[in-house]
Amino acid sequence: MDISLHYQEKGNKEPFALLHGNGEDGSYFRHQIDYFSDIYRVIALDTRGHGKSPRGTGPFTIERFARDLYDFMADLSISKAVILGFSDGANIAMTFTMKYPD
């Protein structure tokens, strides 16, 4: 990955990645972060070019965002996670699970 994604994290159980919509950032899920942190390791990402994540040189495509998520999880040694996406985040989550079903 040519960038490092900014994220907020709370909790220490099973990873639960939250993916925001276009023009938003991980703070969109501020209430869900607190609510789910007792039962999950909640990770709210800022996708490429959103919030505090840099744009980098890669294109803005759902496929690129899905690859960014894969690289992000690999960097944090997360092999499996529950993934919830809103709007474009849902498209990223579906693309991710089709490309990386394991």
N, C-alpha and C. Protein backbone atom coordinates (compact mmCIF):
# COMPACT_ATOMS: atom_id res chain seq x y z
N MET A 1 0.86 -1.18 0.00
CA MET A 1 0.00 0.00 0.00
C MET A 1 0.90 1.23 0.00
N ASP A 2 0.53 2.22 -0.77
CA ASP A 2 1.34 3.44 -0.87
C ASP A 2 1.00 4.46 0.21
N ILE A 3 0.02 4.14 1.07
CA ILE A 3 -0.39 5.05 2.15
C ILE A 3 -0.66 4.25 3.42
N SER A 4 -0.79 4.96 4.53
CA SER A 4 -1.25 4.35 5.77
C SER A 4 -2.61 4.94 6.09
N LEU A 5 -3.58 4.06 6.31
CA LEU A 5 -4.93 4.52 6.60
C LEU A 5 -5.06 4.93 8.06
N HIS A 6 -5.71 6.04 8.29
CA HIS A 6 -6.00 6.48 9.65
C HIS A 6 -7.19 5.67 10.16
N TYR A 7 -7.18 5.36 11.46
CA TYR A 7 -8.29 4.62 12.02
C TYR A 7 -8.43 4.91 13.51
N GLN A 8 -9.63 4.66 14.02
CA GLN A 8 -9.92 4.71 15.45
C GLN A 8 -10.18 3.28 15.88
N GLU A 9 -9.74 2.94 17.08
CA GLU A 9 -9.89 1.57 17.54
C GLU A 9 -10.30 1.56 19.00
N LYS A 10 -11.21 0.65 19.35
CA LYS A 10 -11.63 0.52 20.74
C LYS A 10 -12.11 -0.91 20.96
N GLY A 11 -11.72 -1.51 22.07
CA GLY A 11 -12.09 -2.88 22.37
C GLY A 11 -10.96 -3.83 22.05
N ASN A 12 -11.12 -5.09 22.46
CA ASN A 12 -10.01 -6.03 22.25
C ASN A 12 -10.46 -7.45 21.93
N LYS A 13 -11.65 -7.61 21.43
CA LYS A 13 -12.14 -8.96 21.10
C LYS A 13 -12.08 -9.17 19.58
N GLU A 14 -13.05 -9.83 19.01
CA GLU A 14 -13.06 -10.11 17.57
C GLU A 14 -13.06 -8.80 16.77
N PRO A 15 -12.21 -8.69 15.75
CA PRO A 15 -12.16 -7.46 14.95
C PRO A 15 -13.48 -7.19 14.22
N PHE A 16 -13.88 -5.93 14.25
CA PHE A 16 -15.12 -5.46 13.63
C PHE A 16 -14.78 -4.16 12.90
N ALA A 17 -14.64 -4.23 11.57
CA ALA A 17 -14.25 -3.08 10.77
C ALA A 17 -15.48 -2.32 10.29
N LEU A 18 -15.46 -1.01 10.48
CA LEU A 18 -16.55 -0.14 10.06
C LEU A 18 -16.08 0.73 8.90
N LEU A 19 -16.81 0.70 7.79
CA LEU A 19 -16.43 1.41 6.58
C LEU A 19 -17.49 2.46 6.23
N HIS A 20 -17.08 3.71 6.21
CA HIS A 20 -17.99 4.83 5.97
C HIS A 20 -18.31 5.01 4.50
N GLY A 21 -19.24 5.92 4.22
CA GLY A 21 -19.62 6.26 2.86
C GLY A 21 -18.74 7.34 2.27
N ASN A 22 -18.98 7.64 0.99
CA ASN A 22 -18.22 8.66 0.27
C ASN A 22 -18.39 10.03 0.94
N GLY A 23 -17.28 10.72 1.10
CA GLY A 23 -17.30 12.06 1.69
C GLY A 23 -17.35 12.05 3.21
N GLU A 24 -17.39 10.89 3.82
CA GLU A 24 -17.42 10.77 5.28
C GLU A 24 -16.05 10.33 5.78
N ASP A 25 -15.97 9.98 7.04
CA ASP A 25 -14.77 9.36 7.61
C ASP A 25 -15.21 8.46 8.76
N GLY A 26 -14.26 7.84 9.42
CA GLY A 26 -14.57 6.89 10.48
C GLY A 26 -15.37 7.48 11.63
N SER A 27 -15.31 8.78 11.81
CA SER A 27 -16.08 9.40 12.90
C SER A 27 -17.59 9.26 12.69
N TYR A 28 -18.00 8.93 11.48
CA TYR A 28 -19.41 8.68 11.19
C TYR A 28 -19.97 7.63 12.16
N PHE A 29 -19.10 6.71 12.60
CA PHE A 29 -19.52 5.60 13.46
C PHE A 29 -19.22 5.84 14.94
N ARG A 30 -19.09 7.08 15.37
CA ARG A 30 -18.67 7.35 16.75
C ARG A 30 -19.56 6.67 17.79
N HIS A 31 -20.85 6.62 17.56
CA HIS A 31 -21.75 5.98 18.53
C HIS A 31 -21.62 4.45 18.48
N GLN A 32 -21.44 3.91 17.28
CA GLN A 32 -21.29 2.47 17.14
C GLN A 32 -19.96 1.98 17.74
N ILE A 33 -18.91 2.81 17.65
CA ILE A 33 -17.61 2.44 18.23
C ILE A 33 -17.79 2.17 19.72
N ASP A 34 -18.40 3.10 20.42
CA ASP A 34 -18.61 2.91 21.86
C ASP A 34 -19.55 1.74 22.14
N TYR A 35 -20.63 1.65 21.41
CA TYR A 35 -21.64 0.63 21.67
C TYR A 35 -21.08 -0.79 21.51
N PHE A 36 -20.33 -1.03 20.44
CA PHE A 36 -19.85 -2.38 20.15
C PHE A 36 -18.51 -2.74 20.78
N SER A 37 -17.83 -1.77 21.39
CA SER A 37 -16.47 -2.03 21.90
C SER A 37 -16.42 -3.02 23.06
N ASP A 38 -17.53 -3.28 23.72
CA ASP A 38 -17.54 -4.28 24.80
C ASP A 38 -17.48 -5.70 24.25
N ILE A 39 -17.94 -5.89 23.02
CA ILE A 39 -17.97 -7.25 22.47
C ILE A 39 -17.09 -7.45 21.24
N TYR A 40 -16.50 -6.38 20.73
CA TYR A 40 -15.62 -6.44 19.56
C TYR A 40 -14.39 -5.55 19.75
N ARG A 41 -13.44 -5.76 18.89
CA ARG A 41 -12.35 -4.81 18.68
C ARG A 41 -12.81 -3.96 17.49
N VAL A 42 -13.40 -2.84 17.78
CA VAL A 42 -14.00 -2.00 16.74
C VAL A 42 -12.92 -1.14 16.09
N ILE A 43 -12.89 -1.18 14.77
CA ILE A 43 -11.91 -0.42 14.00
C ILE A 43 -12.67 0.39 12.95
N ALA A 44 -12.67 1.70 13.10
CA ALA A 44 -13.35 2.60 12.15
C ALA A 44 -12.28 3.28 11.30
N LEU A 45 -12.25 2.93 10.04
CA LEU A 45 -11.23 3.42 9.12
C LEU A 45 -11.64 4.72 8.43
N ASP A 46 -10.65 5.50 8.05
CA ASP A 46 -10.84 6.57 7.08
C ASP A 46 -10.29 6.03 5.77
N THR A 47 -11.14 5.82 4.77
CA THR A 47 -10.64 5.29 3.51
C THR A 47 -9.75 6.33 2.82
N ARG A 48 -9.02 5.85 1.84
CA ARG A 48 -8.08 6.67 1.07
C ARG A 48 -8.71 8.01 0.68
N GLY A 49 -8.02 9.11 1.02
CA GLY A 49 -8.49 10.44 0.64
C GLY A 49 -9.65 10.97 1.45
N HIS A 50 -10.00 10.30 2.53
CA HIS A 50 -11.10 10.73 3.39
C HIS A 50 -10.58 10.93 4.80
N GLY A 51 -11.19 11.86 5.53
CA GLY A 51 -10.78 12.11 6.91
C GLY A 51 -9.30 12.41 6.99
N LYS A 52 -8.60 11.64 7.82
CA LYS A 52 -7.18 11.86 8.04
C LYS A 52 -6.29 10.91 7.23
N SER A 53 -6.88 10.13 6.34
CA SER A 53 -6.08 9.25 5.48
C SER A 53 -5.66 10.01 4.23
N PRO A 54 -4.39 9.91 3.85
CA PRO A 54 -3.94 10.61 2.64
C PRO A 54 -4.53 9.99 1.39
N ARG A 55 -4.54 10.77 0.33
CA ARG A 55 -5.06 10.30 -0.95
C ARG A 55 -4.12 9.29 -1.59
N GLY A 56 -2.82 9.53 -1.50
CA GLY A 56 -1.87 8.66 -2.19
C GLY A 56 -1.96 8.85 -3.68
N THR A 57 -1.35 7.91 -4.39
CA THR A 57 -1.31 8.02 -5.85
C THR A 57 -2.27 7.08 -6.54
N GLY A 58 -2.90 6.22 -5.78
CA GLY A 58 -3.81 5.24 -6.37
C GLY A 58 -5.13 5.86 -6.77
N PRO A 59 -5.84 5.19 -7.67
CA PRO A 59 -7.14 5.68 -8.12
C PRO A 59 -8.20 5.52 -7.04
N PHE A 60 -9.25 6.30 -7.15
CA PHE A 60 -10.40 6.20 -6.25
C PHE A 60 -11.40 5.22 -6.87
N THR A 61 -11.22 3.95 -6.60
CA THR A 61 -12.16 2.94 -7.06
C THR A 61 -12.52 2.05 -5.88
N ILE A 62 -13.66 1.41 -5.97
CA ILE A 62 -14.07 0.49 -4.92
C ILE A 62 -13.06 -0.65 -4.82
N GLU A 63 -12.55 -1.11 -5.95
CA GLU A 63 -11.56 -2.19 -5.94
C GLU A 63 -10.29 -1.75 -5.20
N ARG A 64 -9.88 -0.51 -5.42
CA ARG A 64 -8.68 0.01 -4.73
C ARG A 64 -8.93 0.11 -3.23
N PHE A 65 -10.09 0.58 -2.84
CA PHE A 65 -10.42 0.68 -1.42
C PHE A 65 -10.47 -0.71 -0.79
N ALA A 66 -10.97 -1.71 -1.52
CA ALA A 66 -10.99 -3.08 -1.01
C ALA A 66 -9.57 -3.60 -0.83
N ARG A 67 -8.68 -3.31 -1.77
CA ARG A 67 -7.28 -3.72 -1.64
C ARG A 67 -6.63 -2.99 -0.47
N ASP A 68 -6.94 -1.73 -0.29
CA ASP A 68 -6.42 -0.98 0.87
C ASP A 68 -6.85 -1.65 2.18
N LEU A 69 -8.12 -2.10 2.23
CA LEU A 69 -8.61 -2.79 3.42
C LEU A 69 -7.84 -4.09 3.65
N TYR A 70 -7.61 -4.83 2.58
CA TYR A 70 -6.84 -6.07 2.68
C TYR A 70 -5.44 -5.79 3.23
N ASP A 71 -4.77 -4.80 2.66
CA ASP A 71 -3.41 -4.44 3.12
C ASP A 71 -3.43 -3.95 4.55
N PHE A 72 -4.42 -3.15 4.90
CA PHE A 72 -4.56 -2.64 6.27
C PHE A 72 -4.70 -3.79 7.26
N MET A 73 -5.57 -4.75 6.94
CA MET A 73 -5.76 -5.89 7.83
C MET A 73 -4.49 -6.72 7.94
N ALA A 74 -3.80 -6.90 6.84
CA ALA A 74 -2.54 -7.65 6.86
C ALA A 74 -1.51 -6.94 7.74
N ASP A 75 -1.42 -5.63 7.62
CA ASP A 75 -0.47 -4.86 8.44
C ASP A 75 -0.76 -5.00 9.93
N LEU A 76 -2.03 -5.15 10.30
CA LEU A 76 -2.41 -5.30 11.70
C LEU A 76 -2.54 -6.77 12.11
N SER A 77 -2.12 -7.67 11.22
CA SER A 77 -2.20 -9.13 11.46
C SER A 77 -3.62 -9.58 11.79
N ILE A 78 -4.59 -9.02 11.08
CA ILE A 78 -5.98 -9.42 11.23
C ILE A 78 -6.31 -10.35 10.07
N SER A 79 -6.57 -11.62 10.38
CA SER A 79 -6.85 -12.59 9.32
C SER A 79 -8.34 -12.68 8.99
N LYS A 80 -9.19 -12.36 9.96
CA LYS A 80 -10.64 -12.38 9.75
C LYS A 80 -11.27 -11.26 10.56
N ALA A 81 -12.38 -10.72 10.06
CA ALA A 81 -13.07 -9.65 10.77
C ALA A 81 -14.52 -9.61 10.33
N VAL A 82 -15.36 -9.12 11.21
CA VAL A 82 -16.72 -8.75 10.83
C VAL A 82 -16.57 -7.39 10.15
N ILE A 83 -17.24 -7.22 9.02
CA ILE A 83 -17.12 -5.95 8.28
C ILE A 83 -18.51 -5.39 8.04
N LEU A 84 -18.69 -4.14 8.43
CA LEU A 84 -19.95 -3.44 8.21
C LEU A 84 -19.65 -2.17 7.43
N GLY A 85 -20.37 -1.97 6.35
CA GLY A 85 -20.16 -0.77 5.55
C GLY A 85 -21.46 -0.03 5.31
N PHE A 86 -21.35 1.28 5.23
CA PHE A 86 -22.47 2.16 4.93
C PHE A 86 -22.22 2.79 3.56
N SER A 87 -23.18 2.75 2.67
CA SER A 87 -23.10 3.39 1.37
C SER A 87 -21.89 2.85 0.60
N ASP A 88 -20.93 3.69 0.22
CA ASP A 88 -19.75 3.18 -0.48
C ASP A 88 -19.00 2.17 0.38
N GLY A 89 -19.07 2.32 1.68
CA GLY A 89 -18.45 1.35 2.57
C GLY A 89 -19.05 -0.04 2.40
N ALA A 90 -20.36 -0.12 2.14
CA ALA A 90 -21.00 -1.41 1.87
C ALA A 90 -20.49 -2.00 0.56
N ASN A 91 -20.29 -1.15 -0.45
CA ASN A 91 -19.73 -1.63 -1.72
C ASN A 91 -18.30 -2.13 -1.53
N ILE A 92 -17.53 -1.43 -0.71
CA ILE A 92 -16.17 -1.87 -0.41
C ILE A 92 -16.21 -3.22 0.30
N ALA A 93 -17.09 -3.36 1.29
CA ALA A 93 -17.20 -4.62 2.04
C ALA A 93 -17.59 -5.77 1.11
N MET A 94 -18.55 -5.57 0.21
CA MET A 94 -18.95 -6.65 -0.70
C MET A 94 -17.83 -7.00 -1.66
N THR A 95 -17.16 -5.99 -2.19
CA THR A 95 -16.04 -6.25 -3.10
C THR A 95 -14.92 -6.98 -2.38
N PHE A 96 -14.62 -6.54 -1.17
CA PHE A 96 -13.58 -7.19 -0.36
C PHE A 96 -13.89 -8.66 -0.16
N THR A 97 -15.12 -8.97 0.23
CA THR A 97 -15.46 -10.38 0.52
C THR A 97 -15.47 -11.23 -0.74
N MET A 98 -15.78 -10.65 -1.89
CA MET A 98 -15.72 -11.41 -3.14
C MET A 98 -14.28 -11.66 -3.57
N LYS A 99 -13.41 -10.65 -3.38
CA LYS A 99 -12.00 -10.79 -3.79
C LYS A 99 -11.17 -11.58 -2.80
N TYR A 100 -11.51 -11.51 -1.53
CA TYR A 100 -10.73 -12.14 -0.47
C TYR A 100 -11.65 -12.96 0.45
N PRO A 101 -12.25 -14.02 -0.08
CA PRO A 101 -13.25 -14.76 0.70
C PRO A 101 -12.69 -15.44 1.95
N ASP A 102 -11.41 -15.65 2.03
CA ASP A 102 -10.83 -16.26 3.23
C ASP A 102 -10.68 -15.27 4.33
